[in-house]
N, C-alpha and C. Protein backbone atom coordinates (compact mmCIF):
# COMPACT_ATOMS: atom_id res chain seq x y z
N MET A 1 110.08 111.63 84.31
CA MET A 1 109.78 110.78 85.45
C MET A 1 110.40 111.41 86.69
N LYS A 2 109.63 111.45 87.73
CA LYS A 2 110.09 111.90 89.05
C LYS A 2 110.13 110.69 89.97
N ARG A 3 111.15 110.65 90.85
CA ARG A 3 111.31 109.51 91.75
C ARG A 3 111.74 109.98 93.13
N ALA A 4 111.33 109.21 94.15
CA ALA A 4 111.73 109.52 95.52
C ALA A 4 111.63 108.26 96.37
N ASN A 5 112.34 108.27 97.48
CA ASN A 5 112.25 107.20 98.48
C ASN A 5 111.87 107.82 99.82
N ILE A 6 111.11 107.04 100.58
CA ILE A 6 110.75 107.43 101.95
C ILE A 6 111.12 106.27 102.86
N LEU A 7 111.96 106.55 103.84
CA LEU A 7 112.29 105.57 104.87
C LEU A 7 111.53 105.94 106.14
N LYS A 8 111.02 104.94 106.83
CA LYS A 8 110.34 105.17 108.11
C LYS A 8 111.00 104.29 109.15
N PHE A 9 111.34 104.91 110.27
CA PHE A 9 111.94 104.21 111.40
C PHE A 9 110.89 104.13 112.49
N GLU A 10 110.42 102.92 112.73
CA GLU A 10 109.23 102.75 113.55
C GLU A 10 109.45 103.04 115.03
N LYS A 11 110.66 102.84 115.54
CA LYS A 11 110.89 103.07 116.97
C LYS A 11 110.69 104.52 117.37
N ASP A 12 111.14 105.45 116.52
CA ASP A 12 111.02 106.87 116.88
C ASP A 12 110.15 107.66 115.91
N ASN A 13 109.41 106.96 115.04
CA ASN A 13 108.51 107.59 114.08
C ASN A 13 109.22 108.67 113.26
N ARG A 14 110.44 108.34 112.83
CA ARG A 14 111.25 109.27 112.03
C ARG A 14 111.13 108.90 110.56
N PHE A 15 111.08 109.93 109.74
CA PHE A 15 111.00 109.75 108.29
C PHE A 15 112.21 110.40 107.65
N ILE A 16 112.77 109.73 106.65
CA ILE A 16 113.81 110.31 105.82
C ILE A 16 113.32 110.19 104.38
N MET A 17 113.28 111.32 103.69
CA MET A 17 112.84 111.35 102.30
C MET A 17 113.92 112.01 101.46
N TYR A 18 114.07 111.50 100.24
CA TYR A 18 115.04 112.10 99.32
C TYR A 18 114.66 111.78 97.89
N PRO A 19 115.02 112.70 96.96
CA PRO A 19 114.78 112.42 95.55
C PRO A 19 115.71 111.33 95.05
N VAL A 20 115.27 110.64 94.03
CA VAL A 20 116.11 109.67 93.33
C VAL A 20 116.25 110.19 91.89
N ASN A 21 117.47 110.52 91.52
CA ASN A 21 117.73 111.01 90.17
C ASN A 21 117.95 109.83 89.23
N THR A 22 117.42 109.93 88.02
CA THR A 22 117.60 108.88 87.02
C THR A 22 118.95 109.07 86.34
N LEU A 23 119.74 108.01 86.35
CA LEU A 23 121.08 108.06 85.77
C LEU A 23 121.03 107.94 84.26
N ARG A 24 121.94 108.59 83.60
CA ARG A 24 122.10 108.43 82.16
C ARG A 24 122.39 106.95 81.90
N GLY A 25 121.63 106.35 81.02
CA GLY A 25 121.82 104.94 80.72
C GLY A 25 120.98 104.02 81.60
N GLY A 26 120.26 104.57 82.58
CA GLY A 26 119.37 103.76 83.41
C GLY A 26 119.84 103.66 84.85
N GLY A 27 118.92 103.32 85.70
CA GLY A 27 119.20 103.22 87.12
C GLY A 27 118.88 104.53 87.83
N GLY A 28 119.11 104.55 89.12
CA GLY A 28 118.83 105.74 89.90
C GLY A 28 119.82 105.92 91.01
N ILE A 29 119.87 107.15 91.51
CA ILE A 29 120.81 107.49 92.58
C ILE A 29 120.16 108.50 93.52
N ALA A 30 120.34 108.30 94.80
CA ALA A 30 119.81 109.22 95.81
C ALA A 30 120.45 110.59 95.65
N SER A 31 119.70 111.61 96.02
CA SER A 31 120.20 112.97 95.89
C SER A 31 119.65 113.83 97.02
N SER A 32 120.29 114.98 97.22
CA SER A 32 119.74 115.93 98.16
C SER A 32 118.59 116.67 97.49
N PRO A 33 117.70 117.29 98.22
CA PRO A 33 117.76 117.47 99.67
C PRO A 33 117.24 116.23 100.42
N TYR A 34 117.85 115.96 101.55
CA TYR A 34 117.40 114.90 102.44
C TYR A 34 116.50 115.54 103.48
N ILE A 35 115.26 115.12 103.53
CA ILE A 35 114.30 115.64 104.50
C ILE A 35 114.24 114.64 105.65
N ILE A 36 114.57 115.08 106.85
CA ILE A 36 114.56 114.21 108.02
C ILE A 36 113.66 114.85 109.07
N LYS A 37 112.53 114.19 109.35
CA LYS A 37 111.56 114.73 110.31
C LYS A 37 110.94 113.61 111.12
N GLN A 38 110.43 113.97 112.29
CA GLN A 38 109.78 113.00 113.16
C GLN A 38 108.32 113.37 113.35
N ASN A 39 107.54 112.33 113.69
CA ASN A 39 106.15 112.48 114.09
C ASN A 39 105.31 113.26 113.10
N LEU A 40 105.46 112.94 111.82
CA LEU A 40 104.65 113.58 110.79
C LEU A 40 103.30 112.88 110.68
N SER A 41 102.27 113.66 110.42
CA SER A 41 100.98 113.06 110.12
C SER A 41 101.04 112.47 108.71
N ASP A 42 100.07 111.66 108.36
CA ASP A 42 100.04 111.08 107.01
C ASP A 42 100.00 112.19 105.95
N THR A 43 99.25 113.23 106.21
CA THR A 43 99.15 114.35 105.27
C THR A 43 100.48 115.08 105.15
N GLU A 44 101.18 115.26 106.26
CA GLU A 44 102.49 115.92 106.21
C GLU A 44 103.50 115.09 105.43
N VAL A 45 103.44 113.77 105.56
CA VAL A 45 104.33 112.90 104.77
C VAL A 45 104.04 113.11 103.29
N ALA A 46 102.78 113.14 102.91
CA ALA A 46 102.41 113.34 101.51
C ALA A 46 102.87 114.71 101.00
N GLU A 47 102.71 115.73 101.80
CA GLU A 47 103.14 117.08 101.39
C GLU A 47 104.65 117.14 101.21
N GLU A 48 105.39 116.56 102.14
CA GLU A 48 106.85 116.55 102.03
C GLU A 48 107.29 115.76 100.79
N LEU A 49 106.61 114.65 100.54
CA LEU A 49 106.94 113.83 99.37
C LEU A 49 106.83 114.65 98.08
N LEU A 50 105.78 115.44 97.95
CA LEU A 50 105.61 116.24 96.73
C LEU A 50 106.77 117.21 96.54
N HIS A 51 107.26 117.81 97.62
CA HIS A 51 108.43 118.70 97.54
C HIS A 51 109.67 117.92 97.10
N VAL A 52 109.84 116.74 97.66
CA VAL A 52 111.01 115.91 97.32
C VAL A 52 110.95 115.49 95.85
N LEU A 53 109.79 115.08 95.38
CA LEU A 53 109.65 114.68 93.98
C LEU A 53 110.01 115.82 93.03
N ASP A 54 109.69 117.05 93.43
CA ASP A 54 110.02 118.22 92.60
C ASP A 54 111.53 118.36 92.37
N ASN A 55 112.33 117.78 93.25
CA ASN A 55 113.80 117.88 93.15
C ASN A 55 114.44 116.73 92.38
N SER A 56 113.64 115.79 91.91
CA SER A 56 114.16 114.66 91.16
C SER A 56 114.46 115.09 89.72
N THR A 57 115.61 114.64 89.20
CA THR A 57 115.99 114.98 87.83
C THR A 57 116.37 113.73 87.04
N VAL A 58 116.55 113.89 85.75
CA VAL A 58 116.92 112.77 84.88
C VAL A 58 118.23 113.08 84.16
N ASP A 59 118.82 112.05 83.58
CA ASP A 59 120.04 112.16 82.78
C ASP A 59 121.25 112.61 83.61
N VAL A 60 121.36 112.08 84.81
CA VAL A 60 122.45 112.41 85.73
C VAL A 60 123.61 111.44 85.47
N LEU A 61 124.82 111.96 85.51
CA LEU A 61 126.00 111.12 85.31
C LEU A 61 126.23 110.20 86.52
N ARG A 62 126.76 109.03 86.26
CA ARG A 62 127.09 108.08 87.33
C ARG A 62 128.26 108.60 88.15
N PRO A 63 128.25 108.36 89.47
CA PRO A 63 129.40 108.75 90.27
C PRO A 63 130.64 107.95 89.84
N VAL A 64 131.77 108.58 89.90
CA VAL A 64 133.03 107.90 89.56
C VAL A 64 133.40 106.92 90.68
N ASP A 65 133.18 107.33 91.93
CA ASP A 65 133.56 106.54 93.09
C ASP A 65 132.30 106.17 93.88
N TRP A 66 131.78 104.95 93.67
CA TRP A 66 130.55 104.52 94.33
C TRP A 66 130.72 104.42 95.85
N GLU A 67 131.89 104.00 96.29
CA GLU A 67 132.13 103.88 97.74
C GLU A 67 132.04 105.24 98.41
N LEU A 68 132.63 106.24 97.81
CA LEU A 68 132.55 107.60 98.34
C LEU A 68 131.11 108.09 98.31
N PHE A 69 130.39 107.81 97.23
CA PHE A 69 128.99 108.20 97.15
C PHE A 69 128.19 107.56 98.28
N GLN A 70 128.36 106.25 98.52
CA GLN A 70 127.61 105.56 99.55
C GLN A 70 127.89 106.16 100.93
N LYS A 71 129.15 106.45 101.22
CA LYS A 71 129.50 107.07 102.51
C LYS A 71 128.82 108.42 102.66
N SER A 72 128.81 109.20 101.60
CA SER A 72 128.17 110.52 101.63
C SER A 72 126.66 110.37 101.82
N HIS A 73 126.06 109.42 101.11
CA HIS A 73 124.62 109.15 101.21
C HIS A 73 124.25 108.80 102.65
N LEU A 74 125.00 107.89 103.25
CA LEU A 74 124.73 107.50 104.65
C LEU A 74 124.89 108.69 105.59
N LYS A 75 125.96 109.45 105.41
CA LYS A 75 126.23 110.60 106.27
C LYS A 75 125.09 111.63 106.17
N ASN A 76 124.60 111.88 104.96
CA ASN A 76 123.51 112.84 104.77
C ASN A 76 122.25 112.43 105.50
N MET A 77 122.09 111.13 105.74
CA MET A 77 120.92 110.64 106.46
C MET A 77 121.19 110.44 107.95
N GLY A 78 122.44 110.64 108.37
CA GLY A 78 122.77 110.50 109.78
C GLY A 78 123.22 109.10 110.19
N PHE A 79 123.72 108.32 109.24
CA PHE A 79 124.16 106.95 109.53
C PHE A 79 125.62 106.76 109.15
N LYS A 80 126.24 105.76 109.80
CA LYS A 80 127.62 105.42 109.47
C LYS A 80 127.70 104.13 108.67
N THR A 81 126.70 103.24 108.85
CA THR A 81 126.75 101.95 108.18
C THR A 81 125.39 101.62 107.55
N MET A 82 125.44 100.74 106.54
CA MET A 82 124.20 100.26 105.93
C MET A 82 123.39 99.44 106.94
N LYS A 83 124.07 98.74 107.84
CA LYS A 83 123.35 97.96 108.86
C LYS A 83 122.49 98.87 109.71
N SER A 84 123.04 100.00 110.17
CA SER A 84 122.25 100.89 111.01
C SER A 84 121.10 101.52 110.23
N LEU A 85 121.28 101.73 108.95
CA LEU A 85 120.20 102.25 108.11
C LEU A 85 119.06 101.25 108.01
N HIS A 86 119.37 99.97 107.91
CA HIS A 86 118.33 98.96 107.73
C HIS A 86 117.69 98.49 109.03
N ASP A 87 118.31 98.75 110.17
CA ASP A 87 117.72 98.36 111.45
C ASP A 87 116.43 99.14 111.68
N ASP A 88 115.33 98.44 111.94
CA ASP A 88 114.06 99.05 112.32
C ASP A 88 113.50 99.99 111.24
N SER A 89 113.82 99.76 109.97
CA SER A 89 113.30 100.67 108.95
C SER A 89 112.48 99.93 107.90
N ILE A 90 111.54 100.66 107.36
CA ILE A 90 110.78 100.20 106.20
C ILE A 90 110.88 101.30 105.16
N SER A 91 110.62 100.96 103.91
CA SER A 91 110.83 101.92 102.84
C SER A 91 109.73 101.81 101.79
N VAL A 92 109.36 102.97 101.28
CA VAL A 92 108.42 103.06 100.17
C VAL A 92 109.08 103.89 99.09
N SER A 93 109.03 103.41 97.85
CA SER A 93 109.54 104.20 96.74
C SER A 93 108.36 104.70 95.92
N VAL A 94 108.54 105.87 95.32
CA VAL A 94 107.47 106.49 94.54
C VAL A 94 108.06 107.00 93.24
N PHE A 95 107.33 106.77 92.14
CA PHE A 95 107.72 107.40 90.88
C PHE A 95 106.48 107.80 90.10
N THR A 96 106.68 108.74 89.19
CA THR A 96 105.59 109.19 88.35
C THR A 96 105.77 108.62 86.94
N LYS A 97 104.66 108.26 86.32
CA LYS A 97 104.68 107.76 84.95
C LYS A 97 103.25 107.76 84.43
N ASP A 98 103.09 108.18 83.19
CA ASP A 98 101.77 108.15 82.53
C ASP A 98 100.68 108.82 83.38
N ASN A 99 101.02 109.97 83.96
CA ASN A 99 100.06 110.75 84.77
C ASN A 99 99.57 110.02 86.01
N ASN A 100 100.41 109.13 86.55
CA ASN A 100 100.09 108.42 87.78
C ASN A 100 101.28 108.44 88.73
N TYR A 101 100.97 108.26 90.02
CA TYR A 101 101.99 107.98 91.02
C TYR A 101 102.00 106.47 91.22
N TYR A 102 103.17 105.88 91.17
CA TYR A 102 103.35 104.47 91.46
C TYR A 102 104.03 104.39 92.83
N ILE A 103 103.33 103.85 93.79
CA ILE A 103 103.79 103.82 95.18
C ILE A 103 104.10 102.37 95.52
N ASN A 104 105.38 102.12 95.81
CA ASN A 104 105.87 100.75 95.94
C ASN A 104 106.35 100.43 97.35
N PRO A 105 105.63 99.58 98.07
CA PRO A 105 106.17 99.08 99.34
C PRO A 105 107.39 98.21 99.05
N THR A 106 108.25 98.07 100.01
CA THR A 106 109.44 97.24 99.82
C THR A 106 109.56 96.21 100.93
N VAL A 107 110.45 95.27 100.69
CA VAL A 107 110.83 94.27 101.69
C VAL A 107 112.24 94.62 102.13
N ASN A 108 112.46 94.80 103.42
CA ASN A 108 113.79 95.11 103.95
C ASN A 108 114.58 93.81 104.04
N LYS A 109 115.52 93.64 103.11
CA LYS A 109 116.35 92.43 103.06
C LYS A 109 117.69 92.64 103.77
N GLY A 110 117.83 93.75 104.50
CA GLY A 110 119.06 93.99 105.23
C GLY A 110 120.11 94.71 104.41
N PRO A 111 121.25 94.97 105.03
CA PRO A 111 122.27 95.81 104.39
C PRO A 111 122.91 95.22 103.14
N LYS A 112 122.94 93.92 103.01
CA LYS A 112 123.59 93.32 101.84
C LYS A 112 122.68 93.35 100.60
N GLN A 113 121.40 93.10 100.79
CA GLN A 113 120.46 93.03 99.66
C GLN A 113 119.60 94.28 99.52
N GLY A 114 119.52 95.09 100.57
CA GLY A 114 118.79 96.36 100.50
C GLY A 114 117.28 96.20 100.57
N PHE A 115 116.60 97.27 100.18
CA PHE A 115 115.15 97.27 100.11
C PHE A 115 114.76 96.81 98.71
N GLN A 116 113.93 95.79 98.66
CA GLN A 116 113.54 95.25 97.36
C GLN A 116 112.05 95.47 97.14
N GLY A 117 111.73 95.94 95.94
CA GLY A 117 110.35 96.26 95.60
C GLY A 117 109.46 95.04 95.59
N ALA A 118 108.25 95.26 96.03
CA ALA A 118 107.23 94.22 96.01
C ALA A 118 106.13 94.70 95.06
N THR A 119 106.37 94.54 93.75
CA THR A 119 105.48 95.14 92.76
C THR A 119 104.05 94.62 92.86
N GLU A 120 103.86 93.42 93.38
CA GLU A 120 102.49 92.92 93.53
C GLU A 120 101.70 93.74 94.56
N ASP A 121 102.40 94.46 95.42
CA ASP A 121 101.74 95.30 96.42
C ASP A 121 101.66 96.78 95.99
N ARG A 122 102.10 97.08 94.77
CA ARG A 122 102.13 98.46 94.27
C ARG A 122 100.74 99.10 94.31
N ILE A 123 100.74 100.38 94.65
CA ILE A 123 99.52 101.18 94.66
C ILE A 123 99.69 102.25 93.58
N ILE A 124 98.68 102.41 92.73
CA ILE A 124 98.73 103.40 91.66
C ILE A 124 97.57 104.37 91.86
N ILE A 125 97.92 105.66 91.90
CA ILE A 125 96.89 106.70 91.99
C ILE A 125 97.19 107.78 90.96
N SER A 126 96.19 108.52 90.62
CA SER A 126 96.32 109.58 89.62
C SER A 126 97.25 110.68 90.11
N ILE A 127 97.97 111.28 89.19
CA ILE A 127 98.81 112.42 89.53
C ILE A 127 97.95 113.61 89.97
N ASN A 128 96.66 113.54 89.67
CA ASN A 128 95.71 114.58 90.08
C ASN A 128 95.03 114.26 91.40
N ALA A 129 95.49 113.23 92.08
CA ALA A 129 94.90 112.85 93.37
C ALA A 129 95.04 113.99 94.37
N THR A 130 94.12 114.04 95.30
CA THR A 130 94.20 115.04 96.36
C THR A 130 95.31 114.67 97.34
N ILE A 131 95.69 115.60 98.16
CA ILE A 131 96.72 115.32 99.16
C ILE A 131 96.24 114.25 100.14
N ASP A 132 94.94 114.24 100.42
CA ASP A 132 94.40 113.21 101.32
C ASP A 132 94.45 111.82 100.67
N GLU A 133 94.20 111.74 99.36
CA GLU A 133 94.30 110.46 98.65
C GLU A 133 95.75 109.98 98.63
N MET A 134 96.68 110.91 98.43
CA MET A 134 98.10 110.55 98.47
C MET A 134 98.48 110.06 99.87
N ALA A 135 98.03 110.76 100.89
CA ALA A 135 98.33 110.37 102.28
C ALA A 135 97.80 108.97 102.57
N ASP A 136 96.58 108.69 102.13
CA ASP A 136 95.99 107.36 102.35
C ASP A 136 96.78 106.27 101.61
N ALA A 137 97.20 106.57 100.39
CA ALA A 137 97.96 105.59 99.61
C ALA A 137 99.31 105.31 100.25
N LEU A 138 99.98 106.35 100.74
CA LEU A 138 101.27 106.16 101.42
C LEU A 138 101.11 105.36 102.70
N LYS A 139 100.06 105.67 103.46
CA LYS A 139 99.80 104.93 104.69
C LYS A 139 99.59 103.45 104.39
N GLU A 140 98.83 103.15 103.35
CA GLU A 140 98.60 101.75 102.96
C GLU A 140 99.89 101.10 102.47
N ALA A 141 100.70 101.84 101.74
CA ALA A 141 101.97 101.28 101.25
C ALA A 141 102.89 100.92 102.41
N PHE A 142 102.98 101.80 103.42
CA PHE A 142 103.80 101.47 104.58
C PHE A 142 103.27 100.25 105.31
N ALA A 143 101.94 100.11 105.36
CA ALA A 143 101.34 98.93 106.01
C ALA A 143 101.70 97.65 105.26
N ARG A 144 101.95 97.74 103.96
CA ARG A 144 102.28 96.56 103.15
C ARG A 144 103.77 96.22 103.16
N CYS A 145 104.59 97.08 103.72
CA CYS A 145 106.03 96.81 103.78
C CYS A 145 106.31 95.62 104.70
N LYS A 146 107.42 94.94 104.39
CA LYS A 146 107.80 93.77 105.18
C LYS A 146 109.21 93.94 105.67
């Protein structure tokens, strides 16, 4: 399984993408590389996502110090606080399973509750989809974010 998250900041049309590694025993954790770009076309977002997904791994050990991990995660994205990360942002998560991409819009519940998946709005496309089909699916997923 490959996993990634895409954050979009609507005020400056900035995107932050990063792989999500699957932890040993379940769950996931953000990982480098962090891709931070502005003013990407829908196709460019899809292309960058494919590179990010390639960097996702499984069976990763849990961090010993979650607080240190969170600070590092925020710093890698250019933020100091979870509040600033959640201001003006929407998020889409993507994972692969059974030869499909599962593209999940989220609801931004703020810094305390985070981005929560809205599985009823999930978009599923074939792993063999064209880059244009992926771009269209991501565009629709961002439109479904709350």
